[in-house]
Amino acid sequence: MTIRLYDTSARLIRDFTPLTPGRVSIYLCGATVQAAPHIGHIRSGLNFDIMRRWFTYRGYDVTFIRNVTDIDDKILAKSTETGEPWWSIGFRNERAFNYGYDVLGCLPPTYEPRATGHVPEMIEMMRGLIERGHAYAAEGNVYFDVRSFPGYLALSNQELDKLLQPSGEGETGKRDPRDFAMWKAAKPGEPSWETPWGRGRPGWHLECSAMAHKYLGEAFDIHGGGVDLVFPHHENEIAQAKAFGDAFAAYWVHNAWVTMSGEKMSKSLGNSVLVSEMVKRWRPIVLRYYLGTPHYRSMIEYSEDALREAESAFARIEGFVQRVVEKAGGPVEPAAEVPPAFAEAMDDDLGVPQALAVVHTTVRQGNSALTADDKEAAVARLAEVRAMLGVLGLDPLDEPWAGADHGDDLHGVVDSLVRLVLEQRQAARARKDYATADAIRDQLQQSSLVIEDTPSGPRWELGPRQAHN
């Protein structure tokens, strides 16, 4: 058994060998909290949640760090624009991100450090870089000297002479326009901390190098994030950390975007689809299926039709699970191991689409067993399906989904109303008024309810919603 991952720095799929046998250390660039999250933001956390679950299934002890950038240019600009304190904006949106991760079933990180809580570590790193000749102070700012680090731009495969380094306002005193800011001089009205080089605040990149060092040490296994972070953020992290003396990350793994009309979903483009709004319209487990089942390196083009397809596909899985539980007369525990074909797909760069195909094949086999009234085979297939869904965080019988699939309290209300209508349908069937009985069933189906007549009486479940013009 060998897990293989696409390493951005090597530009190929590599066998994964942990630095410490039996342990995996992961650092994921998390939220920048100037605004509430859209589903593109949460996709990254969800993809790495699946990675973490697979490593855990394979027997590794996983340390998972996901940071929070609670101070940067964007947050301060939002504060100036709205008049709301920067720390208030950050805290509110940090809670919104955590809600997004939680509602879509992501496991909590081992640690979730904030940038503002690690200024002493940043000062220590800057001091070391200045002493080693890799950084310099100028007019209250501290810059990294990119020409001092020969490996700069290896991750993004760029040429230094052709580089256009993004710069922020107030970045004065640079020796070279391509040098990047690790620390920014204080401006009137902005938050600041005292340093040996004057009062100021962190630049964007320094926090992650400092926090990875604090929580994972000089070397760790995997650094993750969205593909848009390769440059400048991850490139600059590498320069800081390695110039400081750290080996830093052994593997670099990047997830692709969620797009709308071919463009990256982003706050600045105004095409965001907020998680808080999406979960009002779609069940969270369906959103997880939609965002988590494409390959993590594949772009997802957002559309309502694609979400309806995901809803329909998951409904087929969920319907099978419910039918077998009813047939078995009680809970069916997950199998101890996933099927070999599922494991092979997941080992190969987290091949979730291929792994999901194994799930659907097993569901079809289970449905065939139900049709043949082969209870033992149906239960065995459900045990396998539950094991596979558990790895993907999609088991409807597991936390956090169990008992909450259709909205806890609302499900009970709907169930009572549906059963009342079904009693009317049964009464119509008893008096052989099949036209009325069929009309009631059809009306329920138009409301996205699927009615199935079983030997123990009619049962209902949510089916795929109808498209409305």
Protein backbone atom coordinates (compact mmCIF):
# COMPACT_ATOMS: atom_id res chain seq x y z
CA MET A 1 0.00 0.00 0.00
CA THR A 2 1.49 3.35 -1.10
CA ILE A 3 -0.40 6.64 -1.26
CA ARG A 4 0.62 8.78 -4.20
CA LEU A 5 0.10 12.54 -4.47
CA TYR A 6 0.62 15.15 -7.16
CA ASP A 7 3.43 17.38 -5.90
CA THR A 8 3.29 20.85 -7.43
CA SER A 9 6.98 21.41 -6.77
CA ALA A 10 7.97 18.23 -8.66
CA ARG A 11 5.18 18.58 -11.26
CA LEU A 12 4.40 14.89 -11.06
CA ILE A 13 2.64 12.30 -8.93
CA ARG A 14 5.01 10.99 -6.25
CA ASP A 15 4.89 8.13 -3.78
CA PHE A 16 4.17 9.57 -0.36
CA THR A 17 6.81 8.80 2.25
CA PRO A 18 6.21 10.46 5.63
CA LEU A 19 9.07 12.14 7.44
CA THR A 20 8.12 10.19 10.56
CA PRO A 21 6.79 6.66 10.02
CA GLY A 22 3.11 6.39 10.92
CA ARG A 23 2.60 10.15 11.18
CA VAL A 24 1.46 12.80 8.70
CA SER A 25 1.77 16.56 9.25
CA ILE A 26 -0.35 18.87 7.08
CA TYR A 27 -0.43 22.68 6.93
CA LEU A 28 -3.34 24.18 5.01
CA CYS A 29 -3.64 27.86 4.17
CA GLY A 30 -7.05 28.68 5.58
CA ALA A 31 -9.35 31.67 5.62
CA THR A 32 -8.56 35.31 5.01
CA VAL A 33 -11.49 36.73 6.91
CA GLN A 34 -12.41 40.00 5.20
CA ALA A 35 -15.77 38.57 4.11
CA ALA A 36 -18.03 35.56 4.58
CA PRO A 37 -17.06 32.40 2.65
CA HIS A 38 -18.44 31.26 -0.67
CA ILE A 39 -18.39 27.61 -1.70
CA GLY A 40 -15.09 28.11 -3.53
CA HIS A 41 -13.38 28.93 -0.23
CA ILE A 42 -14.86 25.94 1.55
CA ARG A 43 -13.91 23.56 -1.27
CA SER A 44 -10.25 23.74 -0.20
CA GLY A 45 -11.03 22.82 3.39
CA LEU A 46 -13.29 20.01 2.19
CA ASN A 47 -10.71 18.54 -0.22
CA PHE A 48 -8.08 18.43 2.50
CA ASP A 49 -10.63 17.02 4.93
CA ILE A 50 -10.99 14.04 2.57
CA MET A 51 -7.19 13.75 2.36
CA ARG A 52 -6.96 13.74 6.13
CA ARG A 53 -9.69 11.11 6.44
CA TRP A 54 -7.91 8.86 3.93
CA PHE A 55 -4.58 9.13 5.74
CA THR A 56 -6.40 8.31 8.98
CA TYR A 57 -8.09 5.30 7.37
CA ARG A 58 -4.68 4.11 6.19
CA GLY A 59 -3.52 4.11 9.80
CA TYR A 60 -1.60 7.38 10.03
CA ASP A 61 -1.70 9.72 13.02
CA VAL A 62 -2.52 13.06 11.35
CA THR A 63 -1.68 16.53 12.65
CA PHE A 64 -3.71 19.03 10.65
CA ILE A 65 -3.06 22.79 10.93
CA ARG A 66 -5.37 25.29 9.23
CA ASN A 67 -4.53 28.95 9.84
CA VAL A 68 -6.67 32.06 9.96
CA THR A 69 -5.38 35.28 8.37
CA ASP A 70 -7.14 37.82 10.59
CA ILE A 71 -5.13 40.86 9.52
CA ASP A 72 -4.07 41.92 6.02
CA ASP A 73 -4.56 44.71 3.47
CA LYS A 74 -8.02 43.48 2.43
CA ILE A 75 -9.37 43.38 5.98
CA LEU A 76 -8.03 46.87 6.72
CA ALA A 77 -9.48 48.20 3.45
CA LYS A 78 -12.86 46.74 4.38
CA SER A 79 -12.61 48.41 7.78
CA THR A 80 -11.90 51.78 6.15
CA GLU A 81 -14.77 51.28 3.71
CA THR A 82 -17.39 50.27 6.29
CA GLY A 83 -16.19 51.96 9.48
CA GLU A 84 -16.35 48.63 11.31
CA PRO A 85 -13.28 47.77 13.43
CA TRP A 86 -10.88 45.40 11.68
CA TRP A 87 -10.99 42.91 14.54
CA SER A 88 -14.79 42.84 14.43
CA ILE A 89 -14.77 42.07 10.70
CA GLY A 90 -12.22 39.33 11.25
CA PHE A 91 -14.00 37.68 14.16
CA ARG A 92 -17.42 37.70 12.49
CA ASN A 93 -16.11 36.20 9.28
CA GLU A 94 -13.91 33.68 11.07
CA ARG A 95 -17.07 32.37 12.70
CA ALA A 96 -18.76 32.29 9.29
CA PHE A 97 -15.90 30.21 7.88
CA ASN A 98 -16.02 27.79 10.80
CA TYR A 99 -19.77 27.47 10.29
CA GLY A 100 -19.12 26.66 6.63
CA TYR A 101 -16.56 23.98 7.48
CA ASP A 102 -18.78 22.52 10.19
CA VAL A 103 -22.04 22.51 8.25
CA LEU A 104 -20.36 20.61 5.39
CA GLY A 105 -18.97 18.00 7.76
CA CYS A 106 -15.27 18.93 7.88
CA LEU A 107 -13.42 17.59 10.90
CA PRO A 108 -11.98 20.34 13.13
CA PRO A 109 -8.25 20.99 12.68
CA THR A 110 -5.75 19.85 15.28
CA TYR A 111 -4.88 23.54 15.74
CA GLU A 112 -6.24 26.67 14.06
CA PRO A 113 -3.80 29.52 14.78
CA ARG A 114 -4.51 33.17 14.00
CA ALA A 115 -1.92 35.48 12.48
CA THR A 116 -2.36 38.13 15.20
CA GLY A 117 -1.58 35.56 17.87
CA HIS A 118 1.89 34.84 16.48
CA VAL A 119 3.63 38.21 16.12
CA PRO A 120 6.52 37.15 18.47
CA GLU A 121 7.25 34.17 16.19
CA MET A 122 7.22 36.47 13.15
CA ILE A 123 9.65 38.90 14.81
CA GLU A 124 11.96 36.01 15.66
CA MET A 125 11.92 34.80 12.04
CA MET A 126 12.59 38.29 10.65
CA ARG A 127 15.47 38.76 13.07
CA GLY A 128 17.02 35.49 11.91
CA LEU A 129 16.57 36.37 8.23
CA ILE A 130 18.15 39.79 8.68
CA GLU A 131 21.12 38.24 10.52
CA ARG A 132 21.58 35.74 7.68
CA GLY A 133 21.51 38.47 5.04
CA HIS A 134 18.17 37.45 3.50
CA ALA A 135 16.09 40.41 4.71
CA TYR A 136 16.50 44.10 5.51
CA ALA A 137 14.62 46.90 7.24
CA ALA A 138 13.75 50.08 5.38
CA GLU A 139 11.56 52.97 6.50
CA GLY A 140 9.80 50.81 9.08
CA ASN A 141 9.16 47.98 6.62
CA VAL A 142 11.01 44.67 6.52
CA TYR A 143 11.59 43.12 3.11
CA PHE A 144 12.85 39.76 1.91
CA ASP A 145 15.76 40.08 -0.53
CA VAL A 146 14.70 37.67 -3.28
CA ARG A 147 18.11 37.71 -4.97
CA SER A 148 19.66 36.32 -1.80
CA PHE A 149 17.75 33.05 -2.15
CA PRO A 150 18.77 31.08 -5.29
CA GLY A 151 15.77 28.72 -5.14
CA TYR A 152 13.23 31.53 -5.39
CA LEU A 153 10.43 30.86 -7.93
CA ALA A 154 11.17 27.13 -8.26
CA LEU A 155 7.63 26.24 -7.13
CA SER A 156 5.90 28.47 -9.69
CA ASN A 157 8.57 27.85 -12.35
CA GLN A 158 9.10 31.53 -13.17
CA GLU A 159 12.16 33.53 -14.13
CA LEU A 160 13.24 36.23 -11.70
CA ASP A 161 14.17 38.68 -14.45
CA LYS A 162 10.60 38.52 -15.79
CA LEU A 163 8.91 38.66 -12.40
CA LEU A 164 6.25 41.20 -11.56
CA GLN A 165 5.98 41.10 -7.76
CA PRO A 166 2.62 42.29 -6.39
CA SER A 167 3.13 45.25 -4.08
CA GLY A 168 0.90 46.96 -1.57
CA GLU A 169 0.49 50.61 -0.69
CA GLY A 170 3.24 52.09 1.49
CA GLU A 171 5.91 49.55 0.54
CA THR A 172 8.73 52.11 0.35
CA GLY A 173 12.46 51.69 0.63
CA LYS A 174 12.85 48.50 -1.41
CA ARG A 175 16.26 47.75 -2.81
CA ASP A 176 14.66 45.76 -5.62
CA PRO A 177 11.02 46.10 -6.74
CA ARG A 178 10.72 42.30 -6.69
CA ASP A 179 11.51 42.09 -2.97
CA PHE A 180 8.39 41.35 -0.94
CA ALA A 181 7.17 42.77 2.37
CA MET A 182 7.29 40.60 5.46
CA TRP A 183 6.40 43.49 7.79
CA LYS A 184 4.67 46.79 7.00
CA ALA A 185 5.31 50.09 8.73
CA ALA A 186 2.49 51.45 10.87
CA LYS A 187 0.03 53.89 9.30
CA PRO A 188 -2.26 56.24 11.20
CA GLY A 189 -5.37 54.42 12.41
CA GLU A 190 -4.05 50.94 11.60
CA PRO A 191 -3.25 48.27 14.19
CA SER A 192 0.44 47.90 14.94
CA TRP A 193 2.90 46.00 17.10
CA GLU A 194 6.28 47.06 18.44
CA THR A 195 9.35 45.52 16.78
CA PRO A 196 13.09 46.28 16.75
CA TRP A 197 12.49 48.03 13.41
CA GLY A 198 9.56 50.19 14.50
CA ARG A 199 5.84 49.70 14.95
CA GLY A 200 3.98 47.91 12.19
CA ARG A 201 1.93 44.88 11.22
CA PRO A 202 2.48 41.55 9.47
CA GLY A 203 2.72 41.15 5.74
CA TRP A 204 0.60 38.37 4.29
CA HIS A 205 3.27 35.71 3.75
CA LEU A 206 5.28 35.78 6.96
CA GLU A 207 2.53 34.40 9.19
CA CYS A 208 2.40 30.97 7.52
CA SER A 209 6.16 30.40 7.61
CA ALA A 210 6.22 31.35 11.29
CA MET A 211 3.16 29.30 12.28
CA ALA A 212 4.19 26.20 10.34
CA HIS A 213 7.54 26.37 12.15
CA LYS A 214 5.84 26.72 15.54
CA TYR A 215 3.30 23.92 15.17
CA LEU A 216 5.03 21.47 12.82
CA GLY A 217 8.71 22.18 13.33
CA GLU A 218 11.53 22.70 10.85
CA ALA A 219 10.17 20.07 8.44
CA PHE A 220 6.70 18.68 7.78
CA ASP A 221 5.01 16.51 5.20
CA ILE A 222 2.36 18.37 3.21
CA HIS A 223 1.56 22.03 2.56
CA GLY A 224 -1.82 22.60 0.94
CA GLY A 225 -3.96 25.37 -0.47
CA GLY A 226 -5.73 26.66 -3.54
CA VAL A 227 -3.85 26.70 -6.84
CA ASP A 228 -4.08 30.51 -6.84
CA LEU A 229 -1.71 30.59 -3.83
CA VAL A 230 1.26 29.04 -5.66
CA PHE A 231 2.49 32.57 -6.41
CA PRO A 232 3.14 34.80 -4.63
CA HIS A 233 2.04 33.34 -1.30
CA HIS A 234 3.54 29.86 -1.28
CA GLU A 235 6.61 30.92 -3.21
CA ASN A 236 7.30 33.56 -0.59
CA GLU A 237 6.62 31.17 2.28
CA ILE A 238 9.27 28.81 0.91
CA ALA A 239 11.81 31.61 0.56
CA GLN A 240 11.31 32.81 4.14
CA ALA A 241 11.28 29.38 5.74
CA LYS A 242 14.21 27.86 3.87
CA ALA A 243 16.34 30.98 4.16
CA PHE A 244 15.63 30.84 7.90
CA GLY A 245 17.00 27.30 7.93
CA ASP A 246 13.87 25.14 7.81
CA ALA A 247 13.46 22.26 5.38
CA PHE A 248 9.74 23.24 5.30
CA ALA A 249 7.22 21.15 3.28
CA ALA A 250 8.18 17.88 1.58
CA TYR A 251 5.07 17.90 -0.68
CA TRP A 252 2.99 20.74 -2.12
CA VAL A 253 -0.64 19.91 -2.90
CA HIS A 254 -3.03 22.38 -4.50
CA ASN A 255 -6.76 22.19 -5.16
CA ALA A 256 -8.47 23.81 -8.15
CA TRP A 257 -11.13 26.53 -8.11
CA VAL A 258 -14.88 26.64 -8.28
CA THR A 259 -15.71 28.79 -11.30
CA MET A 260 -18.78 30.65 -12.54
CA SER A 261 -19.06 31.41 -16.26
CA GLY A 262 -15.44 30.33 -16.64
CA GLU A 263 -14.11 32.76 -14.01
CA LYS A 264 -12.71 31.96 -10.58
CA MET A 265 -15.37 32.42 -7.94
CA SER A 266 -14.20 35.35 -5.85
CA LYS A 267 -15.46 38.17 -3.71
CA SER A 268 -13.89 40.78 -5.98
CA LEU A 269 -15.76 39.53 -9.06
CA GLY A 270 -19.06 39.77 -7.24
CA ASN A 271 -20.05 36.25 -8.28
CA SER A 272 -19.79 34.63 -4.90
CA VAL A 273 -22.22 31.97 -3.76
CA LEU A 274 -22.19 32.23 0.01
CA VAL A 275 -22.25 29.04 2.04
CA SER A 276 -24.77 30.56 4.47
CA GLU A 277 -27.22 31.08 1.59
CA MET A 278 -26.51 27.81 -0.22
CA VAL A 279 -27.38 25.67 2.80
CA LYS A 280 -30.81 27.31 2.91
CA ARG A 281 -31.51 25.98 -0.57
CA TRP A 282 -29.57 22.70 -0.62
CA ARG A 283 -29.01 20.07 2.02
CA PRO A 284 -25.44 20.40 3.36
CA ILE A 285 -24.66 16.74 2.64
CA VAL A 286 -25.61 17.34 -1.02
CA LEU A 287 -23.30 20.37 -1.13
CA ARG A 288 -20.50 18.22 0.28
CA TYR A 289 -21.16 15.60 -2.38
CA TYR A 290 -21.12 18.29 -5.09
CA LEU A 291 -17.89 19.95 -3.92
CA GLY A 292 -16.04 16.87 -2.68
CA THR A 293 -16.59 14.26 -5.37
CA PRO A 294 -14.82 15.86 -8.37
CA HIS A 295 -11.05 15.36 -8.35
CA TYR A 296 -9.40 17.98 -6.18
CA ARG A 297 -7.22 19.16 -9.09
CA SER A 298 -10.23 19.58 -11.42
CA MET A 299 -12.08 22.86 -11.82
CA ILE A 300 -15.76 22.82 -10.83
CA GLU A 301 -18.01 24.97 -12.99
CA TYR A 302 -20.88 26.02 -10.75
CA SER A 303 -24.43 25.59 -12.04
CA GLU A 304 -27.83 24.78 -10.60
CA ASP A 305 -28.12 21.86 -13.03
CA ALA A 306 -24.89 20.36 -11.72
CA LEU A 307 -26.16 20.65 -8.17
CA ARG A 308 -29.42 18.95 -9.12
CA GLU A 309 -27.42 16.12 -10.70
CA ALA A 310 -25.42 15.78 -7.48
CA GLU A 311 -28.62 15.77 -5.47
CA SER A 312 -30.11 13.04 -7.66
CA ALA A 313 -26.94 10.91 -7.50
CA PHE A 314 -26.71 11.15 -3.74
CA ALA A 315 -30.42 10.40 -3.39
CA ARG A 316 -29.81 7.04 -5.10
CA ILE A 317 -27.12 6.22 -2.55
CA GLU A 318 -29.21 7.44 0.37
CA GLY A 319 -32.30 5.59 -0.78
CA PHE A 320 -30.34 2.33 -0.88
CA VAL A 321 -29.00 2.94 2.63
CA GLN A 322 -32.48 3.58 4.00
CA ARG A 323 -34.03 0.55 2.31
CA VAL A 324 -31.40 -1.86 3.62
CA VAL A 325 -31.65 -0.47 7.16
CA GLU A 326 -35.39 -1.08 6.99
CA LYS A 327 -34.83 -4.56 5.56
CA ALA A 328 -32.28 -5.40 8.26
CA GLY A 329 -34.55 -4.10 10.98
CA GLY A 330 -31.81 -2.03 12.56
CA PRO A 331 -28.37 -0.49 12.17
CA VAL A 332 -25.75 -1.99 9.85
CA GLU A 333 -22.20 -1.24 10.94
CA PRO A 334 -19.60 -0.13 8.35
CA ALA A 335 -17.25 -2.81 7.06
CA ALA A 336 -13.78 -2.91 8.61
CA GLU A 337 -12.20 -2.31 5.20
CA VAL A 338 -13.25 -0.54 2.02
CA PRO A 339 -13.33 -2.58 -1.24
CA PRO A 340 -9.89 -2.93 -2.89
CA ALA A 341 -10.93 -0.95 -5.99
CA PHE A 342 -11.99 1.99 -3.79
CA ALA A 343 -8.69 1.89 -1.89
CA GLU A 344 -6.71 1.71 -5.12
CA ALA A 345 -8.48 4.82 -6.44
CA MET A 346 -7.94 6.79 -3.24
CA ASP A 347 -4.28 5.79 -3.03
CA ASP A 348 -3.77 7.16 -6.55
CA ASP A 349 -3.71 10.93 -5.85
CA LEU A 350 -7.03 10.84 -3.99
CA GLY A 351 -8.98 9.65 -7.05
CA VAL A 352 -12.40 10.39 -5.59
CA PRO A 353 -14.30 10.18 -8.92
CA GLN A 354 -13.02 6.63 -9.50
CA ALA A 355 -13.65 5.76 -5.84
CA LEU A 356 -17.19 7.11 -6.13
CA ALA A 357 -17.79 4.87 -9.15
CA VAL A 358 -17.07 1.92 -6.84
CA VAL A 359 -19.65 3.29 -4.38
CA HIS A 360 -22.33 3.46 -7.09
CA THR A 361 -21.46 0.00 -8.41
CA THR A 362 -21.81 -1.41 -4.90
CA VAL A 363 -25.15 0.38 -4.49
CA ARG A 364 -26.42 -1.21 -7.71
CA GLN A 365 -25.30 -4.62 -6.49
CA GLY A 366 -27.09 -4.01 -3.22
CA ASN A 367 -30.28 -2.93 -4.97
CA SER A 368 -30.16 -6.14 -7.03
CA ALA A 369 -29.85 -8.11 -3.80
CA LEU A 370 -32.87 -6.30 -2.39
CA THR A 371 -34.88 -7.12 -5.51
CA ALA A 372 -33.88 -10.79 -5.11
CA ASP A 373 -34.82 -10.61 -1.41
CA ASP A 374 -31.24 -11.55 -0.51
CA LYS A 375 -31.01 -9.81 2.85
CA GLU A 376 -27.52 -11.08 3.66
CA ALA A 377 -26.00 -9.78 0.42
CA ALA A 378 -27.82 -6.44 0.73
CA VAL A 379 -26.52 -5.96 4.27
CA ALA A 380 -22.97 -6.85 3.18
CA ARG A 381 -23.11 -4.29 0.37
CA LEU A 382 -24.42 -1.62 2.76
CA ALA A 383 -21.55 -2.31 5.14
CA GLU A 384 -19.11 -1.69 2.28
CA VAL A 385 -20.97 1.43 1.17
CA ARG A 386 -20.91 2.86 4.70
CA ALA A 387 -17.15 2.23 4.95
CA MET A 388 -16.55 4.08 1.68
CA LEU A 389 -18.93 6.94 2.47
CA GLY A 390 -17.29 7.35 5.87
CA VAL A 391 -13.93 8.04 4.18
CA LEU A 392 -15.61 10.70 2.03
CA GLY A 393 -17.51 12.20 4.97
CA LEU A 394 -20.81 11.32 3.28
CA ASP A 395 -22.27 8.52 5.40
CA PRO A 396 -25.90 9.57 6.09
CA LEU A 397 -25.96 7.30 9.16
CA ASP A 398 -22.87 8.92 10.70
CA GLU A 399 -22.23 12.22 12.41
CA PRO A 400 -22.96 14.99 11.62
CA TRP A 401 -25.65 13.81 9.21
CA ALA A 402 -27.51 11.19 11.27
CA GLY A 403 -30.89 12.53 12.30
CA ALA A 404 -30.33 15.84 10.53
CA ASP A 405 -30.54 14.99 6.84
CA HIS A 406 -33.68 16.98 6.17
CA GLY A 407 -33.42 19.53 8.97
CA ASP A 408 -34.00 18.10 12.44
CA ASP A 409 -37.26 19.68 13.59
CA LEU A 410 -38.56 20.30 10.08
CA HIS A 411 -38.23 16.62 9.20
CA GLY A 412 -40.67 15.67 11.95
CA VAL A 413 -43.21 18.24 10.81
CA VAL A 414 -42.93 17.17 7.17
CA ASP A 415 -43.16 13.51 8.17
CA SER A 416 -46.44 14.13 10.01
CA LEU A 417 -47.91 16.04 7.08
CA VAL A 418 -46.78 13.47 4.52
CA ARG A 419 -48.18 10.61 6.57
CA LEU A 420 -51.52 12.39 6.76
CA VAL A 421 -51.61 12.71 2.98
CA LEU A 422 -50.48 9.08 2.60
CA GLU A 423 -53.35 7.96 4.83
CA GLN A 424 -55.72 9.73 2.44
CA ARG A 425 -54.02 7.96 -0.45
CA GLN A 426 -54.35 4.59 1.30
CA ALA A 427 -58.03 5.27 1.91
CA ALA A 428 -58.47 6.04 -1.80
CA ARG A 429 -56.71 2.78 -2.71
CA ALA A 430 -58.90 0.84 -0.24
CA ARG A 431 -62.02 2.06 -1.96
CA LYS A 432 -60.39 1.30 -5.33
CA ASP A 433 -60.28 4.98 -6.28
CA TYR A 434 -56.93 4.55 -8.01
CA ALA A 435 -57.19 7.78 -9.97
CA THR A 436 -57.26 9.82 -6.75
CA ALA A 437 -54.51 7.70 -5.19
CA ASP A 438 -52.26 8.22 -8.21
CA ALA A 439 -53.05 11.94 -8.32
CA ILE A 440 -51.98 12.30 -4.66
CA ARG A 441 -48.75 10.40 -5.34
CA ASP A 442 -48.00 12.54 -8.42
CA GLN A 443 -48.62 15.74 -6.47
CA LEU A 444 -46.21 14.62 -3.75
CA GLN A 445 -43.58 13.78 -6.36
CA GLN A 446 -43.88 17.28 -7.81
CA SER A 447 -42.91 18.47 -4.31
CA SER A 448 -39.66 16.43 -4.59
CA LEU A 449 -41.06 13.59 -2.45
CA VAL A 450 -40.66 10.02 -3.69
CA ILE A 451 -43.32 7.59 -2.47
CA GLU A 452 -42.61 3.86 -2.44
CA ASP A 453 -45.18 1.17 -1.61
CA THR A 454 -43.61 -1.54 0.54
CA PRO A 455 -45.04 -4.65 2.29
CA SER A 456 -44.95 -2.72 5.56
CA GLY A 457 -46.74 0.26 4.05
CA PRO A 458 -45.82 3.35 2.05
CA ARG A 459 -42.52 5.13 2.75
CA TRP A 460 -41.24 8.49 1.56
CA GLU A 461 -37.91 10.18 0.94
CA LEU A 462 -36.68 13.39 -0.63
CA GLY A 463 -35.89 13.00 -4.30
CA PRO A 464 -34.18 15.36 -6.73
CA ARG A 465 -35.89 18.71 -6.90
CA GLN A 466 -37.60 19.79 -10.07
CA ALA A 467 -36.12 22.54 -12.19
CA HIS A 468 -38.29 25.63 -12.45
CA ASN A 469 -38.29 27.90 -15.43
